[in-house]
Amino acid sequence: MTLGEHISQLRKRKKLSQNDLGKKIGTSGDIIGRYERDEVKPSIEVAAKIADELEVSLDFLIGKTEVEVDGKLLKRVIEVQQMEERDREHILYTLDALIKNVKLKSIA
């Protein structure tokens, strides 16, 4: 999927018009349309603003990864990453246990 297709799909999922997205990132709906048609590529700064508005990682938006990471989840991951190692280990241990529990439930 191209950058333009990603922008279009994610924008529509958020129920935003091209004009709405343009206003939110400080540009016009016409420019958003050109991005979506892959006529022009946004600068890194603009692409980052688009990713933030659409609540996805920049890597997902540009197609570097196929894993869509929700912006809210990404913020939490960053918070955990910035914690002291001991606190981070406790949180990850608890998270691992919860993930294992969910997987076991889905098997049963």
PDB file of N, CA and C in Angstrom:
ATOM      1  N   MET A   1       0.849  -1.177   0.000  1.00  0.00           N
ATOM      2  CA  MET A   1       0.000   0.000   0.000  1.00  0.00           C
ATOM      3  C   MET A   1       0.895   1.242   0.000  1.00  0.00           C
ATOM      4  N   THR A   2       0.529   2.237  -0.796  1.00  0.00           N
ATOM      5  CA  THR A   2       1.327   3.456  -0.891  1.00  0.00           C
ATOM      6  C   THR A   2       1.048   4.392   0.278  1.00  0.00           C
ATOM      7  N   LEU A   3       1.894   5.396   0.421  1.00  0.00           N
ATOM      8  CA  LEU A   3       1.687   6.405   1.454  1.00  0.00           C
ATOM      9  C   LEU A   3       0.328   7.069   1.270  1.00  0.00           C
ATOM     10  N   GLY A   4       0.019   7.434   0.049  1.00  0.00           N
ATOM     11  CA  GLY A   4      -1.261   8.076  -0.230  1.00  0.00           C
ATOM     12  C   GLY A   4      -2.445   7.202   0.135  1.00  0.00           C
ATOM     13  N   GLU A   5      -2.350   5.909  -0.181  1.00  0.00           N
ATOM     14  CA  GLU A   5      -3.436   4.985   0.162  1.00  0.00           C
ATOM     15  C   GLU A   5      -3.586   4.859   1.678  1.00  0.00           C
ATOM     16  N   HIS A   6      -2.462   4.839   2.384  1.00  0.00           N
ATOM     17  CA  HIS A   6      -2.522   4.785   3.849  1.00  0.00           C
ATOM     18  C   HIS A   6      -3.212   6.025   4.414  1.00  0.00           C
ATOM     19  N   ILE A   7      -2.802   7.186   3.924  1.00  0.00           N
ATOM     20  CA  ILE A   7      -3.406   8.424   4.420  1.00  0.00           C
ATOM     21  C   ILE A   7      -4.911   8.414   4.171  1.00  0.00           C
ATOM     22  N   SER A   8      -5.310   8.065   2.959  1.00  0.00           N
ATOM     23  CA  SER A   8      -6.724   8.045   2.598  1.00  0.00           C
ATOM     24  C   SER A   8      -7.515   7.070   3.469  1.00  0.00           C
ATOM     25  N   GLN A   9      -7.011   5.870   3.597  1.00  0.00           N
ATOM     26  CA  GLN A   9      -7.708   4.846   4.372  1.00  0.00           C
ATOM     27  C   GLN A   9      -7.849   5.251   5.846  1.00  0.00           C
ATOM     28  N   LEU A  10      -6.766   5.734   6.425  1.00  0.00           N
ATOM     29  CA  LEU A  10      -6.790   6.116   7.834  1.00  0.00           C
ATOM     30  C   LEU A  10      -7.660   7.350   8.062  1.00  0.00           C
ATOM     31  N   ARG A  11      -7.605   8.296   7.149  1.00  0.00           N
ATOM     32  CA  ARG A  11      -8.430   9.500   7.254  1.00  0.00           C
ATOM     33  C   ARG A  11      -9.906   9.139   7.230  1.00  0.00           C
ATOM     34  N   LYS A  12     -10.278   8.269   6.309  1.00  0.00           N
ATOM     35  CA  LYS A  12     -11.677   7.849   6.203  1.00  0.00           C
ATOM     36  C   LYS A  12     -12.118   7.075   7.433  1.00  0.00           C
ATOM     37  N   ARG A  13     -11.226   6.261   7.981  1.00  0.00           N
ATOM     38  CA  ARG A  13     -11.540   5.513   9.196  1.00  0.00           C
ATOM     39  C   ARG A  13     -11.853   6.462  10.356  1.00  0.00           C
ATOM     40  N   LYS A  14     -11.166   7.606  10.376  1.00  0.00           N
ATOM     41  CA  LYS A  14     -11.387   8.617  11.418  1.00  0.00           C
ATOM     42  C   LYS A  14     -12.566   9.528  11.087  1.00  0.00           C
ATOM     43  N   LYS A  15     -13.188   9.272   9.917  1.00  0.00           N
ATOM     44  CA  LYS A  15     -14.319  10.060   9.444  1.00  0.00           C
ATOM     45  C   LYS A  15     -13.960  11.544   9.299  1.00  0.00           C
ATOM     46  N   LEU A  16     -12.767  11.776   8.757  1.00  0.00           N
ATOM     47  CA  LEU A  16     -12.299  13.139   8.487  1.00  0.00           C
ATOM     48  C   LEU A  16     -12.342  13.403   6.991  1.00  0.00           C
ATOM     49  N   SER A  17     -12.737  14.597   6.616  1.00  0.00           N
ATOM     50  CA  SER A  17     -12.630  14.987   5.212  1.00  0.00           C
ATOM     51  C   SER A  17     -11.184  15.397   4.947  1.00  0.00           C
ATOM     52  N   GLN A  18     -10.859  15.543   3.687  1.00  0.00           N
ATOM     53  CA  GLN A  18      -9.515  16.021   3.342  1.00  0.00           C
ATOM     54  C   GLN A  18      -9.305  17.418   3.922  1.00  0.00           C
ATOM     55  N   ASN A  19     -10.352  18.251   3.879  1.00  0.00           N
ATOM     56  CA  ASN A  19     -10.246  19.596   4.434  1.00  0.00           C
ATOM     57  C   ASN A  19     -10.021  19.557   5.943  1.00  0.00           C
ATOM     58  N   ASP A  20     -10.750  18.661   6.635  1.00  0.00           N
ATOM     59  CA  ASP A  20     -10.585  18.539   8.088  1.00  0.00           C
ATOM     60  C   ASP A  20      -9.153  18.174   8.447  1.00  0.00           C
ATOM     61  N   LEU A  21      -8.617  17.162   7.775  1.00  0.00           N
ATOM     62  CA  LEU A  21      -7.244  16.744   8.057  1.00  0.00           C
ATOM     63  C   LEU A  21      -6.265  17.859   7.714  1.00  0.00           C
ATOM     64  N   GLY A  22      -6.504  18.519   6.590  1.00  0.00           N
ATOM     65  CA  GLY A  22      -5.643  19.622   6.201  1.00  0.00           C
ATOM     66  C   GLY A  22      -5.601  20.712   7.258  1.00  0.00           C
ATOM     67  N   LYS A  23      -6.755  21.096   7.769  1.00  0.00           N
ATOM     68  CA  LYS A  23      -6.815  22.138   8.800  1.00  0.00           C
ATOM     69  C   LYS A  23      -6.070  21.712  10.055  1.00  0.00           C
ATOM     70  N   LYS A  24      -6.232  20.450  10.436  1.00  0.00           N
ATOM     71  CA  LYS A  24      -5.601  19.964  11.661  1.00  0.00           C
ATOM     72  C   LYS A  24      -4.078  19.981  11.586  1.00  0.00           C
ATOM     73  N   ILE A  25      -3.545  19.821  10.381  1.00  0.00           N
ATOM     74  CA  ILE A  25      -2.072  19.792  10.259  1.00  0.00           C
ATOM     75  C   ILE A  25      -1.504  21.079   9.662  1.00  0.00           C
ATOM     76  N   GLY A  26      -2.387  22.049   9.388  1.00  0.00           N
ATOM     77  CA  GLY A  26      -1.905  23.334   8.903  1.00  0.00           C
ATOM     78  C   GLY A  26      -1.682  23.425   7.411  1.00  0.00           C
ATOM     79  N   THR A  27      -2.491  22.699   6.646  1.00  0.00           N
ATOM     80  CA  THR A  27      -2.410  22.774   5.185  1.00  0.00           C
ATOM     81  C   THR A  27      -3.825  22.734   4.630  1.00  0.00           C
ATOM     82  N   SER A  28      -3.966  22.558   3.339  1.00  0.00           N
ATOM     83  CA  SER A  28      -5.298  22.554   2.718  1.00  0.00           C
ATOM     84  C   SER A  28      -5.751  21.143   2.369  1.00  0.00           C
ATOM     85  N   GLY A  29      -7.045  21.016   2.176  1.00  0.00           N
ATOM     86  CA  GLY A  29      -7.603  19.747   1.733  1.00  0.00           C
ATOM     87  C   GLY A  29      -7.107  19.352   0.358  1.00  0.00           C
ATOM     88  N   ASP A  30      -6.845  20.359  -0.485  1.00  0.00           N
ATOM     89  CA  ASP A  30      -6.321  20.080  -1.828  1.00  0.00           C
ATOM     90  C   ASP A  30      -4.965  19.391  -1.750  1.00  0.00           C
ATOM     91  N   ILE A  31      -4.115  19.844  -0.834  1.00  0.00           N
ATOM     92  CA  ILE A  31      -2.790  19.232  -0.670  1.00  0.00           C
ATOM     93  C   ILE A  31      -2.946  17.800  -0.150  1.00  0.00           C
ATOM     94  N   ILE A  32      -3.870  17.597   0.792  1.00  0.00           N
ATOM     95  CA  ILE A  32      -4.124  16.237   1.299  1.00  0.00           C
ATOM     96  C   ILE A  32      -4.542  15.342   0.140  1.00  0.00           C
ATOM     97  N   GLY A  33      -5.393  15.848  -0.731  1.00  0.00           N
ATOM     98  CA  GLY A  33      -5.817  15.086  -1.909  1.00  0.00           C
ATOM     99  C   GLY A  33      -4.640  14.713  -2.796  1.00  0.00           C
ATOM    100  N   ARG A  34      -3.713  15.624  -2.963  1.00  0.00           N
ATOM    101  CA  ARG A  34      -2.527  15.333  -3.781  1.00  0.00           C
ATOM    102  C   ARG A  34      -1.656  14.272  -3.116  1.00  0.00           C
ATOM    103  N   TYR A  35      -1.556  14.329  -1.781  1.00  0.00           N
ATOM    104  CA  TYR A  35      -0.814  13.275  -1.064  1.00  0.00           C
ATOM    105  C   TYR A  35      -1.492  11.929  -1.286  1.00  0.00           C
ATOM    106  N   GLU A  36      -2.825  11.913  -1.157  1.00  0.00           N
ATOM    107  CA  GLU A  36      -3.564  10.661  -1.269  1.00  0.00           C
ATOM    108  C   GLU A  36      -3.490  10.064  -2.666  1.00  0.00           C
ATOM    109  N   ARG A  37      -3.365  10.904  -3.661  1.00  0.00           N
ATOM    110  CA  ARG A  37      -3.238  10.419  -5.042  1.00  0.00           C
ATOM    111  C   ARG A  37      -1.781  10.142  -5.405  1.00  0.00           C
ATOM    112  N   ASP A  38      -0.890  10.302  -4.432  1.00  0.00           N
ATOM    113  CA  ASP A  38       0.548  10.084  -4.622  1.00  0.00           C
ATOM    114  C   ASP A  38       1.137  10.978  -5.712  1.00  0.00           C
ATOM    115  N   GLU A  39       0.549  12.150  -5.877  1.00  0.00           N
ATOM    116  CA  GLU A  39       1.092  13.117  -6.834  1.00  0.00           C
ATOM    117  C   GLU A  39       2.321  13.800  -6.260  1.00  0.00           C
ATOM    118  N   VAL A  40       2.298  14.052  -4.960  1.00  0.00           N
ATOM    119  CA  VAL A  40       3.434  14.641  -4.248  1.00  0.00           C
ATOM    120  C   VAL A  40       3.591  13.916  -2.919  1.00  0.00           C
ATOM    121  N   LYS A  41       4.782  13.994  -2.372  1.00  0.00           N
ATOM    122  CA  LYS A  41       5.069  13.378  -1.067  1.00  0.00           C
ATOM    123  C   LYS A  41       5.212  14.484  -0.030  1.00  0.00           C
ATOM    124  N   PRO A  42       4.628  14.290   1.153  1.00  0.00           N
ATOM    125  CA  PRO A  42       4.802  15.300   2.199  1.00  0.00           C
ATOM    126  C   PRO A  42       6.233  15.266   2.740  1.00  0.00           C
ATOM    127  N   SER A  43       6.650  16.388   3.295  1.00  0.00           N
ATOM    128  CA  SER A  43       7.940  16.413   3.982  1.00  0.00           C
ATOM    129  C   SER A  43       7.845  15.513   5.209  1.00  0.00           C
ATOM    130  N   ILE A  44       8.985  15.194   5.772  1.00  0.00           N
ATOM    131  CA  ILE A  44       9.001  14.364   6.986  1.00  0.00           C
ATOM    132  C   ILE A  44       8.191  15.030   8.091  1.00  0.00           C
ATOM    133  N   GLU A  45       8.341  16.346   8.233  1.00  0.00           N
ATOM    134  CA  GLU A  45       7.623  17.080   9.269  1.00  0.00           C
ATOM    135  C   GLU A  45       6.109  16.975   9.073  1.00  0.00           C
ATOM    136  N   VAL A  46       5.668  17.141   7.840  1.00  0.00           N
ATOM    137  CA  VAL A  46       4.236  17.058   7.538  1.00  0.00           C
ATOM    138  C   VAL A  46       3.739  15.626   7.712  1.00  0.00           C
ATOM    139  N   ALA A  47       4.514  14.659   7.263  1.00  0.00           N
ATOM    140  CA  ALA A  47       4.119  13.253   7.437  1.00  0.00           C
ATOM    141  C   ALA A  47       3.983  12.919   8.919  1.00  0.00           C
ATOM    142  N   ALA A  48       4.869  13.454   9.744  1.00  0.00           N
ATOM    143  CA  ALA A  48       4.786  13.219  11.189  1.00  0.00           C
ATOM    144  C   ALA A  48       3.513  13.830  11.759  1.00  0.00           C
ATOM    145  N   LYS A  49       3.135  15.025  11.290  1.00  0.00           N
ATOM    146  CA  LYS A  49       1.890  15.655  11.744  1.00  0.00           C
ATOM    147  C   LYS A  49       0.678  14.817  11.333  1.00  0.00           C
ATOM    148  N   ILE A  50       0.719  14.301  10.110  1.00  0.00           N
ATOM    149  CA  ILE A  50      -0.384  13.462   9.620  1.00  0.00           C
ATOM    150  C   ILE A  50      -0.486  12.205  10.477  1.00  0.00           C
ATOM    151  N   ALA A  51       0.644  11.565  10.736  1.00  0.00           N
ATOM    152  CA  ALA A  51       0.649  10.350  11.562  1.00  0.00           C
ATOM    153  C   ALA A  51       0.088  10.648  12.948  1.00  0.00           C
ATOM    154  N   ASP A  52       0.490  11.776  13.533  1.00  0.00           N
ATOM    155  CA  ASP A  52      -0.028  12.145  14.854  1.00  0.00           C
ATOM    156  C   ASP A  52      -1.536  12.345  14.822  1.00  0.00           C
ATOM    157  N   GLU A  53      -2.027  13.051  13.822  1.00  0.00           N
ATOM    158  CA  GLU A  53      -3.477  13.302  13.719  1.00  0.00           C
ATOM    159  C   GLU A  53      -4.254  12.010  13.503  1.00  0.00           C
ATOM    160  N   LEU A  54      -3.663  11.094  12.750  1.00  0.00           N
ATOM    161  CA  LEU A  54      -4.352   9.835  12.449  1.00  0.00           C
ATOM    162  C   LEU A  54      -4.072   8.771  13.505  1.00  0.00           C
ATOM    163  N   GLU A  55      -3.265   9.127  14.512  1.00  0.00           N
ATOM    164  CA  GLU A  55      -2.954   8.274  15.657  1.00  0.00           C
ATOM    165  C   GLU A  55      -2.320   6.949  15.252  1.00  0.00           C
ATOM    166  N   VAL A  56      -1.323   7.045  14.374  1.00  0.00           N
ATOM    167  CA  VAL A  56      -0.526   5.883  13.982  1.00  0.00           C
ATOM    168  C   VAL A  56       0.944   6.288  14.025  1.00  0.00           C
ATOM    169  N   SER A  57       1.813   5.299  13.978  1.00  0.00           N
ATOM    170  CA  SER A  57       3.238   5.608  13.934  1.00  0.00           C
ATOM    171  C   SER A  57       3.603   6.079  12.532  1.00  0.00           C
ATOM    172  N   LEU A  58       4.653   6.855  12.465  1.00  0.00           N
ATOM    173  CA  LEU A  58       5.147   7.308  11.168  1.00  0.00           C
ATOM    174  C   LEU A  58       5.597   6.112  10.327  1.00  0.00           C
ATOM    175  N   ASP A  59       6.204   5.108  10.972  1.00  0.00           N
ATOM    176  CA  ASP A  59       6.624   3.902  10.252  1.00  0.00           C
ATOM    177  C   ASP A  59       5.436   3.227   9.566  1.00  0.00           C
ATOM    178  N   PHE A  60       4.311   3.147  10.242  1.00  0.00           N
ATOM    179  CA  PHE A  60       3.133   2.522   9.638  1.00  0.00           C
ATOM    180  C   PHE A  60       2.613   3.388   8.490  1.00  0.00           C
ATOM    181  N   LEU A  61       2.547   4.685   8.719  1.00  0.00           N
ATOM    182  CA  LEU A  61       2.012   5.578   7.694  1.00  0.00           C
ATOM    183  C   LEU A  61       2.794   5.478   6.396  1.00  0.00           C
ATOM    184  N   ILE A  62       4.108   5.407   6.486  1.00  0.00           N
ATOM    185  CA  ILE A  62       4.920   5.376   5.257  1.00  0.00           C
ATOM    186  C   ILE A  62       5.119   3.974   4.712  1.00  0.00           C
ATOM    187  N   GLY A  63       4.575   2.967   5.408  1.00  0.00           N
ATOM    188  CA  GLY A  63       4.654   1.599   4.901  1.00  0.00           C
ATOM    189  C   GLY A  63       5.905   0.846   5.295  1.00  0.00           C
ATOM    190  N   LYS A  64       6.658   1.392   6.236  1.00  0.00           N
ATOM    191  CA  LYS A  64       7.877   0.704   6.681  1.00  0.00           C
ATOM    192  C   LYS A  64       7.535  -0.539   7.499  1.00  0.00           C
ATOM    193  N   THR A  65       6.408  -0.495   8.174  1.00  0.00           N
ATOM    194  CA  THR A  65       5.943  -1.648   8.927  1.00  0.00           C
ATOM    195  C   THR A  65       4.470  -1.870   8.643  1.00  0.00           C
ATOM    196  N   GLU A  66       4.039  -3.098   8.727  1.00  0.00           N
ATOM    197  CA  GLU A  66       2.632  -3.408   8.496  1.00  0.00           C
ATOM    198  C   GLU A  66       1.851  -3.489   9.797  1.00  0.00           C
ATOM    199  N   VAL A  67       2.550  -3.303  10.907  1.00  0.00           N
ATOM    200  CA  VAL A  67       1.908  -3.359  12.215  1.00  0.00           C
ATOM    201  C   VAL A  67       1.430  -1.963  12.572  1.00  0.00           C
ATOM    202  N   GLU A  68       0.125  -1.823  12.672  1.00  0.00           N
ATOM    203  CA  GLU A  68      -0.443  -0.529  13.024  1.00  0.00           C
ATOM    204  C   GLU A  68      -0.444  -0.390  14.543  1.00  0.00           C
ATOM    205  N   VAL A  69       0.342   0.551  15.030  1.00  0.00           N
ATOM    206  CA  VAL A  69       0.415   0.794  16.465  1.00  0.00           C
ATOM    207  C   VAL A  69      -0.426   2.022  16.767  1.00  0.00           C
ATOM    208  N   ASP A  70      -1.436   1.827  17.573  1.00  0.00           N
ATOM    209  CA  ASP A  70      -2.300   2.915  17.989  1.00  0.00           C
ATOM    210  C   ASP A  70      -1.469   3.991  18.687  1.00  0.00           C
ATOM    211  N   GLY A  71      -1.733   5.238  18.392  1.00  0.00           N
ATOM    212  CA  GLY A  71      -0.980   6.335  18.970  1.00  0.00           C
ATOM    213  C   GLY A  71      -1.011   6.356  20.485  1.00  0.00           C
ATOM    214  N   LYS A  72      -2.164   6.012  21.072  1.00  0.00           N
ATOM    215  CA  LYS A  72      -2.279   5.988  22.536  1.00  0.00           C
ATOM    216  C   LYS A  72      -1.407   4.885  23.120  1.00  0.00           C
ATOM    217  N   LEU A  73      -1.387   3.745  22.459  1.00  0.00           N
ATOM    218  CA  LEU A  73      -0.543   2.642  22.919  1.00  0.00           C
ATOM    219  C   LEU A  73       0.930   3.013  22.791  1.00  0.00           C
ATOM    220  N   LEU A  74       1.270   3.666  21.709  1.00  0.00           N
ATOM    221  CA  LEU A  74       2.648   4.076  21.491  1.00  0.00           C
ATOM    222  C   LEU A  74       3.115   5.042  22.587  1.00  0.00           C
ATOM    223  N   LYS A  75       2.254   5.960  22.996  1.00  0.00           N
ATOM    224  CA  LYS A  75       2.601   6.889  24.066  1.00  0.00           C
ATOM    225  C   LYS A  75       2.877   6.138  25.366  1.00  0.00           C
ATOM    226  N   ARG A  76       2.081   5.108  25.624  1.00  0.00           N
ATOM    227  CA  ARG A  76       2.294   4.306  26.838  1.00  0.00           C
ATOM    228  C   ARG A  76       3.616   3.555  26.770  1.00  0.00           C
ATOM    229  N   VAL A  77       3.919   3.012  25.604  1.00  0.00           N
ATOM    230  CA  VAL A  77       5.182   2.293  25.438  1.00  0.00           C
ATOM    231  C   VAL A  77       6.360   3.244  25.678  1.00  0.00           C
ATOM    232  N   ILE A  78       6.248   4.441  25.177  1.00  0.00           N
ATOM    233  CA  ILE A  78       7.310   5.427  25.379  1.00  0.00           C
ATOM    234  C   ILE A  78       7.459   5.763  26.862  1.00  0.00           C
ATOM    235  N   GLU A  79       6.334   5.897  27.559  1.00  0.00           N
ATOM    236  CA  GLU A  79       6.399   6.168  29.003  1.00  0.00           C
ATOM    237  C   GLU A  79       7.119   5.046  29.738  1.00  0.00           C
ATOM    238  N   VAL A  80       6.791   3.807  29.393  1.00  0.00           N
ATOM    239  CA  VAL A  80       7.441   2.663  30.046  1.00  0.00           C
ATOM    240  C   VAL A  80       8.926   2.653  29.708  1.00  0.00           C
ATOM    241  N   GLN A  81       9.256   2.927  28.463  1.00  0.00           N
ATOM    242  CA  GLN A  81      10.653   2.937  28.026  1.00  0.00           C
ATOM    243  C   GLN A  81      11.478   3.956  28.803  1.00  0.00           C
ATOM    244  N   GLN A  82      10.866   5.046  29.223  1.00  0.00           N
ATOM    245  CA  GLN A  82      11.586   6.108  29.917  1.00  0.00           C
ATOM    246  C   GLN A  82      11.713   5.877  31.423  1.00  0.00           C
ATOM    247  N   MET A  83      11.081   4.833  31.918  1.00  0.00           N
ATOM    248  CA  MET A  83      11.143   4.533  33.349  1.00  0.00           C
ATOM    249  C   MET A  83      12.478   3.899  33.711  1.00  0.00           C
ATOM    250  N   GLU A  84      12.752   3.894  35.006  1.00  0.00           N
ATOM    251  CA  GLU A  84      13.946   3.207  35.476  1.00  0.00           C
ATOM    252  C   GLU A  84      13.803   1.711  35.178  1.00  0.00           C
ATOM    253  N   GLU A  85      14.924   1.057  34.989  1.00  0.00           N
ATOM    254  CA  GLU A  85      14.925  -0.342  34.551  1.00  0.00           C
ATOM    255  C   GLU A  85      14.110  -1.247  35.468  1.00  0.00           C
ATOM    256  N   ARG A  86      14.250  -1.078  36.766  1.00  0.00           N
ATOM    257  CA  ARG A  86      13.528  -1.951  37.708  1.00  0.00           C
ATOM    258  C   ARG A  86      12.014  -1.796  37.544  1.00  0.00           C
ATOM    259  N   ASP A  87      11.541  -0.553  37.447  1.00  0.00           N
ATOM    260  CA  ASP A  87      10.104  -0.313  37.249  1.00  0.00           C
ATOM    261  C   ASP A  87       9.638  -0.876  35.908  1.00  0.00           C
ATOM    262  N   ARG A  88      10.449  -0.697  34.884  1.00  0.00           N
ATOM    263  CA  ARG A  88      10.120  -1.215  33.549  1.00  0.00           C
ATOM    264  C   ARG A  88      10.005  -2.737  33.580  1.00  0.00           C
ATOM    265  N   GLU A  89      10.926  -3.396  34.261  1.00  0.00           N
ATOM    266  CA  GLU A  89      10.878  -4.862  34.371  1.00  0.00           C
ATOM    267  C   GLU A  89       9.605  -5.328  35.062  1.00  0.00           C
ATOM    268  N   HIS A  90       9.186  -4.633  36.109  1.00  0.00           N
ATOM    269  CA  HIS A  90       7.950  -4.996  36.822  1.00  0.00           C
ATOM    270  C   HIS A  90       6.730  -4.863  35.907  1.00  0.00           C
ATOM    271  N   ILE A  91       6.682  -3.769  35.180  1.00  0.00           N
ATOM    272  CA  ILE A  91       5.546  -3.546  34.285  1.00  0.00           C
ATOM    273  C   ILE A  91       5.518  -4.599  33.183  1.00  0.00           C
ATOM    274  N   LEU A  92       6.670  -4.894  32.595  1.00  0.00           N
ATOM    275  CA  LEU A  92       6.717  -5.888  31.519  1.00  0.00           C
ATOM    276  C   LEU A  92       6.407  -7.289  32.024  1.00  0.00           C
ATOM    277  N   TYR A  93       6.838  -7.615  33.237  1.00  0.00           N
ATOM    278  CA  TYR A  93       6.518  -8.912  33.832  1.00  0.00           C
ATOM    279  C   TYR A  93       5.006  -9.047  33.999  1.00  0.00           C
ATOM    280  N   THR A  94       4.379  -7.992  34.510  1.00  0.00           N
ATOM    281  CA  THR A  94       2.919  -8.003  34.691  1.00  0.00           C
ATOM    282  C   THR A  94       2.210  -8.091  33.343  1.00  0.00           C
ATOM    283  N   LEU A  95       2.689  -7.332  32.374  1.00  0.00           N
ATOM    284  CA  LEU A  95       2.097  -7.351  31.039  1.00  0.00           C
ATOM    285  C   LEU A  95       2.226  -8.734  30.401  1.00  0.00           C
ATOM    286  N   ASP A  96       3.389  -9.355  30.540  1.00  0.00           N
ATOM    287  CA  ASP A  96       3.591 -10.705  30.003  1.00  0.00           C
ATOM    288  C   ASP A  96       2.599 -11.687  30.609  1.00  0.00           C
ATOM    289  N   ALA A  97       2.364 -11.569  31.922  1.00  0.00           N
ATOM    290  CA  ALA A  97       1.422 -12.467  32.594  1.00  0.00           C
ATOM    291  C   ALA A  97       0.005 -12.252  32.067  1.00  0.00           C
ATOM    292  N   LEU A  98      -0.371 -11.007  31.861  1.00  0.00           N
ATOM    293  CA  LEU A  98      -1.712 -10.718  31.345  1.00  0.00           C
ATOM    294  C   LEU A  98      -1.879 -11.222  29.912  1.00  0.00           C
ATOM    295  N   ILE A  99      -0.866 -11.045  29.100  1.00  0.00           N
ATOM    296  CA  ILE A  99      -0.922 -11.535  27.711  1.00  0.00           C
ATOM    297  C   ILE A  99      -1.046 -13.054  27.693  1.00  0.00           C
ATOM    298  N   LYS A 100      -0.272 -13.724  28.524  1.00  0.00           N
ATOM    299  CA  LYS A 100      -0.332 -15.179  28.603  1.00  0.00           C
ATOM    300  C   LYS A 100      -1.722 -15.631  29.019  1.00  0.00           C
ATOM    301  N   ASN A 101      -2.322 -14.925  29.968  1.00  0.00           N
ATOM    302  CA  ASN A 101      -3.660 -15.262  30.449  1.00  0.00           C
ATOM    303  C   ASN A 101      -4.685 -15.138  29.327  1.00  0.00           C
ATOM    304  N   VAL A 102      -4.603 -14.076  28.554  1.00  0.00           N
ATOM    305  CA  VAL A 102      -5.537 -13.859  27.438  1.00  0.00           C
ATOM    306  C   VAL A 102      -5.361 -14.957  26.396  1.00  0.00           C
ATOM    307  N   LYS A 103      -4.126 -15.309  26.093  1.00  0.00           N
ATOM    308  CA  LYS A 103      -3.881 -16.365  25.093  1.00  0.00           C
ATOM    309  C   LYS A 103      -4.419 -17.700  25.571  1.00  0.00           C
ATOM    310  N   LEU A 104      -4.258 -18.000  26.836  1.00  0.00           N
ATOM    311  CA  LEU A 104      -4.788 -19.252  27.378  1.00  0.00           C
ATOM    312  C   LEU A 104      -6.309 -19.303  27.311  1.00  0.00           C
ATOM    313  N   LYS A 105      -6.947 -18.184  27.570  1.00  0.00           N
ATOM    314  CA  LYS A 105      -8.407 -18.105  27.479  1.00  0.00           C
ATOM    315  C   LYS A 105      -8.892 -18.357  26.060  1.00  0.00           C
ATOM    316  N   SER A 106      -8.145 -17.853  25.088  1.00  0.00           N
ATOM    317  CA  SER A 106      -8.568 -18.012  23.702  1.00  0.00           C
ATOM    318  C   SER A 106      -8.424 -19.446  23.213  1.00  0.00           C
ATOM    319  N   ILE A 107      -7.534 -20.213  23.851  1.00  0.00           N
ATOM    320  CA  ILE A 107      -7.350 -21.615  23.482  1.00  0.00           C
ATOM    321  C   ILE A 107      -8.486 -22.463  24.008  1.00  0.00           C
ATOM    322  N   ALA A 108      -8.945 -22.126  25.190  1.00  0.00           N
ATOM    323  CA  ALA A 108      -9.984 -22.934  25.865  1.00  0.00           C
ATOM    324  C   ALA A 108     -11.340 -22.793  25.251  1.00  0.00           C
TER     325      ALA A 108
END
